[in-house]
């Protein structure tokens, strides 16, 4: 199945810049979305589990204003 233009834009640009207007919950949601859309194709359940498993790392990344893509790649690569 082909990704929508919105999904492609999210993966290729939006997720690569920290969005200061997003809450921590939105940040976690974006990480889950990235994990489901990237080439690893995590299920919604698995993406949620990984984000929960790395909660402290994700929280620190949010505080440091790390881009969603960087964190999703860091936690998703070793778990896939």
N, C-alpha and C. Protein backbone atom coordinates (compact mmCIF):
# COMPACT_ATOMS: atom_id res chain seq x y z
N UNK A 1 0.83 -1.18 0.00
CA UNK A 1 0.00 0.00 0.00
C UNK A 1 0.88 1.25 0.00
N UNK A 2 0.53 2.19 -0.82
CA UNK A 2 1.28 3.43 -0.94
C UNK A 2 0.95 4.41 0.18
N UNK A 3 1.96 5.12 0.64
CA UNK A 3 1.74 6.13 1.68
C UNK A 3 1.08 7.35 1.05
N UNK A 4 0.28 8.02 1.84
CA UNK A 4 -0.34 9.26 1.38
C UNK A 4 0.73 10.35 1.30
N UNK A 5 0.40 11.40 0.60
CA UNK A 5 1.32 12.54 0.49
C UNK A 5 1.59 13.12 1.88
N UNK A 6 0.56 13.15 2.71
CA UNK A 6 0.71 13.66 4.08
C UNK A 6 1.68 12.78 4.88
N UNK A 7 1.57 11.46 4.73
CA UNK A 7 2.48 10.54 5.41
C UNK A 7 3.91 10.71 4.92
N UNK A 8 4.08 10.85 3.62
CA UNK A 8 5.41 11.06 3.04
C UNK A 8 6.03 12.35 3.57
N UNK A 9 5.23 13.41 3.61
CA UNK A 9 5.71 14.71 4.11
C UNK A 9 6.11 14.58 5.58
N UNK A 10 5.31 13.85 6.35
CA UNK A 10 5.64 13.64 7.76
C UNK A 10 6.98 12.92 7.89
N UNK A 11 7.16 11.83 7.16
CA UNK A 11 8.40 11.04 7.26
C UNK A 11 9.63 11.81 6.77
N UNK A 12 9.47 12.51 5.67
CA UNK A 12 10.63 13.14 5.03
C UNK A 12 10.99 14.52 5.56
N UNK A 13 10.04 15.24 6.16
CA UNK A 13 10.40 16.58 6.63
C UNK A 13 9.87 16.91 8.02
N UNK A 14 8.59 16.75 8.27
CA UNK A 14 8.02 17.19 9.55
C UNK A 14 8.65 16.48 10.75
N UNK A 15 8.92 15.21 10.62
CA UNK A 15 9.46 14.44 11.74
C UNK A 15 10.95 14.71 11.99
N UNK A 16 11.58 15.44 11.10
CA UNK A 16 13.02 15.68 11.20
C UNK A 16 13.37 17.02 11.85
N UNK A 17 12.32 17.76 12.24
CA UNK A 17 12.51 19.04 12.93
C UNK A 17 11.63 19.03 14.18
N UNK A 18 12.19 19.40 15.32
CA UNK A 18 11.41 19.42 16.55
C UNK A 18 10.36 20.52 16.46
N UNK A 19 9.12 20.16 16.74
CA UNK A 19 8.01 21.10 16.69
C UNK A 19 7.70 21.55 18.12
N UNK A 20 8.09 22.77 18.45
CA UNK A 20 7.92 23.30 19.81
C UNK A 20 6.46 23.45 20.22
N UNK A 21 5.55 23.45 19.26
CA UNK A 21 4.13 23.63 19.59
C UNK A 21 3.47 22.33 20.05
N UNK A 22 4.15 21.20 19.91
CA UNK A 22 3.56 19.91 20.27
C UNK A 22 3.79 19.58 21.73
N UNK A 23 2.76 18.98 22.32
CA UNK A 23 2.86 18.51 23.70
C UNK A 23 3.67 17.21 23.72
N UNK A 24 4.01 16.79 24.93
CA UNK A 24 4.73 15.53 25.08
C UNK A 24 3.90 14.36 24.55
N UNK A 25 2.61 14.36 24.81
CA UNK A 25 1.74 13.29 24.31
C UNK A 25 1.70 13.28 22.78
N UNK A 26 1.66 14.43 22.16
CA UNK A 26 1.68 14.52 20.70
C UNK A 26 3.03 14.02 20.16
N UNK A 27 4.10 14.34 20.86
CA UNK A 27 5.44 13.88 20.49
C UNK A 27 5.49 12.35 20.48
N UNK A 28 4.98 11.74 21.54
CA UNK A 28 4.95 10.27 21.61
C UNK A 28 4.09 9.69 20.49
N UNK A 29 2.99 10.32 20.23
CA UNK A 29 2.10 9.87 19.15
C UNK A 29 2.82 9.94 17.80
N UNK A 30 3.59 10.99 17.59
CA UNK A 30 4.34 11.12 16.35
C UNK A 30 5.42 10.05 16.23
N UNK A 31 6.03 9.69 17.34
CA UNK A 31 7.04 8.61 17.31
C UNK A 31 6.36 7.30 16.92
N UNK A 32 5.20 7.02 17.51
CA UNK A 32 4.46 5.81 17.15
C UNK A 32 4.10 5.84 15.67
N UNK A 33 3.63 6.97 15.19
CA UNK A 33 3.27 7.11 13.77
C UNK A 33 4.48 6.83 12.88
N UNK A 34 5.61 7.40 13.23
CA UNK A 34 6.83 7.19 12.44
C UNK A 34 7.16 5.70 12.38
N UNK A 35 7.10 5.03 13.51
CA UNK A 35 7.42 3.60 13.56
C UNK A 35 6.48 2.77 12.68
N UNK A 36 5.23 3.19 12.60
CA UNK A 36 4.26 2.45 11.78
C UNK A 36 4.43 2.76 10.29
N UNK A 37 4.91 3.95 9.95
CA UNK A 37 5.03 4.34 8.55
C UNK A 37 6.39 4.01 7.93
N UNK A 38 7.43 3.93 8.75
CA UNK A 38 8.76 3.69 8.19
C UNK A 38 8.85 2.28 7.61
N UNK A 39 9.96 1.97 7.03
CA UNK A 39 10.11 0.68 6.35
C UNK A 39 9.97 -0.52 7.28
N UNK A 40 10.08 -0.33 8.59
CA UNK A 40 9.92 -1.44 9.52
C UNK A 40 8.47 -1.83 9.69
N UNK A 41 7.54 -0.92 9.44
CA UNK A 41 6.09 -1.18 9.47
C UNK A 41 5.62 -1.83 10.78
N UNK A 42 5.95 -1.19 11.89
CA UNK A 42 5.47 -1.69 13.17
C UNK A 42 3.94 -1.63 13.22
N UNK A 43 3.34 -2.56 13.93
CA UNK A 43 1.90 -2.48 14.19
C UNK A 43 1.69 -1.38 15.22
N UNK A 44 0.46 -0.92 15.36
CA UNK A 44 0.14 0.12 16.34
C UNK A 44 0.48 -0.36 17.75
N UNK A 45 0.20 -1.63 18.03
CA UNK A 45 0.46 -2.18 19.35
C UNK A 45 1.95 -2.25 19.65
N UNK A 46 2.72 -2.71 18.67
CA UNK A 46 4.17 -2.83 18.88
C UNK A 46 4.81 -1.45 19.02
N UNK A 47 4.37 -0.49 18.20
CA UNK A 47 4.90 0.87 18.30
C UNK A 47 4.61 1.46 19.68
N UNK A 48 3.41 1.24 20.18
CA UNK A 48 3.05 1.74 21.51
C UNK A 48 3.89 1.08 22.59
N UNK A 49 4.12 -0.22 22.48
CA UNK A 49 4.95 -0.94 23.45
C UNK A 49 6.38 -0.41 23.48
N UNK A 50 6.93 -0.16 22.31
CA UNK A 50 8.31 0.32 22.24
C UNK A 50 8.43 1.71 22.86
N UNK A 51 7.49 2.59 22.54
CA UNK A 51 7.52 3.93 23.12
C UNK A 51 7.39 3.85 24.64
N UNK A 52 6.53 2.98 25.11
CA UNK A 52 6.36 2.80 26.56
C UNK A 52 7.63 2.22 27.19
N UNK A 53 8.25 1.25 26.53
CA UNK A 53 9.45 0.61 27.05
C UNK A 53 10.60 1.62 27.19
N UNK A 54 10.64 2.59 26.30
CA UNK A 54 11.71 3.59 26.30
C UNK A 54 11.21 4.95 26.79
N UNK A 55 10.22 4.93 27.66
CA UNK A 55 9.56 6.16 28.16
C UNK A 55 10.57 7.19 28.67
N UNK A 56 11.52 6.78 29.48
CA UNK A 56 12.49 7.73 30.03
C UNK A 56 13.34 8.36 28.93
N UNK A 57 13.79 7.55 28.00
CA UNK A 57 14.58 8.03 26.88
C UNK A 57 13.78 9.02 26.03
N UNK A 58 12.53 8.70 25.78
CA UNK A 58 11.65 9.56 24.98
C UNK A 58 11.40 10.88 25.71
N UNK A 59 11.17 10.80 27.00
CA UNK A 59 10.93 12.02 27.78
C UNK A 59 12.15 12.93 27.77
N UNK A 60 13.33 12.35 27.94
CA UNK A 60 14.56 13.15 27.89
C UNK A 60 14.75 13.76 26.51
N UNK A 61 14.44 13.01 25.48
CA UNK A 61 14.57 13.52 24.11
C UNK A 61 13.63 14.69 23.86
N UNK A 62 12.42 14.59 24.40
CA UNK A 62 11.45 15.69 24.27
C UNK A 62 11.99 16.94 24.96
N UNK A 63 12.52 16.77 26.15
CA UNK A 63 13.07 17.91 26.90
C UNK A 63 14.26 18.53 26.17
N UNK A 64 15.03 17.71 25.47
CA UNK A 64 16.19 18.21 24.71
C UNK A 64 15.80 18.69 23.32
N UNK A 65 14.52 18.56 23.00
CA UNK A 65 13.95 18.98 21.71
C UNK A 65 14.58 18.23 20.52
N UNK A 66 14.68 16.93 20.70
CA UNK A 66 15.20 16.06 19.63
C UNK A 66 14.09 15.79 18.62
N UNK A 67 14.41 15.76 17.34
CA UNK A 67 13.39 15.45 16.33
C UNK A 67 12.81 14.05 16.50
N UNK A 68 11.55 13.91 16.17
CA UNK A 68 10.83 12.64 16.26
C UNK A 68 11.57 11.54 15.49
N UNK A 69 12.01 11.84 14.28
CA UNK A 69 12.66 10.83 13.45
C UNK A 69 13.89 10.26 14.14
N UNK A 70 14.69 11.11 14.76
CA UNK A 70 15.92 10.65 15.43
C UNK A 70 15.60 9.66 16.54
N UNK A 71 14.56 9.96 17.32
CA UNK A 71 14.23 9.10 18.44
C UNK A 71 13.56 7.81 17.97
N UNK A 72 12.68 7.92 17.00
CA UNK A 72 12.03 6.73 16.46
C UNK A 72 13.08 5.78 15.87
N UNK A 73 14.04 6.32 15.16
CA UNK A 73 15.09 5.48 14.59
C UNK A 73 15.94 4.86 15.68
N UNK A 74 16.23 5.62 16.73
CA UNK A 74 17.06 5.10 17.83
C UNK A 74 16.36 3.96 18.56
N UNK A 75 15.08 4.09 18.85
CA UNK A 75 14.40 3.05 19.62
C UNK A 75 13.82 1.95 18.73
N UNK A 76 13.56 2.24 17.49
CA UNK A 76 12.96 1.27 16.60
C UNK A 76 13.93 0.32 15.96
N UNK A 77 15.13 0.77 15.70
CA UNK A 77 16.11 -0.05 14.99
C UNK A 77 16.47 -1.31 15.76
N UNK A 78 16.74 -1.17 17.03
CA UNK A 78 17.16 -2.31 17.83
C UNK A 78 16.04 -3.23 18.23
N UNK A 79 14.80 -2.79 18.04
CA UNK A 79 13.66 -3.58 18.51
C UNK A 79 12.93 -4.30 17.40
N UNK A 80 13.24 -3.99 16.17
CA UNK A 80 12.44 -4.49 15.04
C UNK A 80 12.65 -5.89 14.68
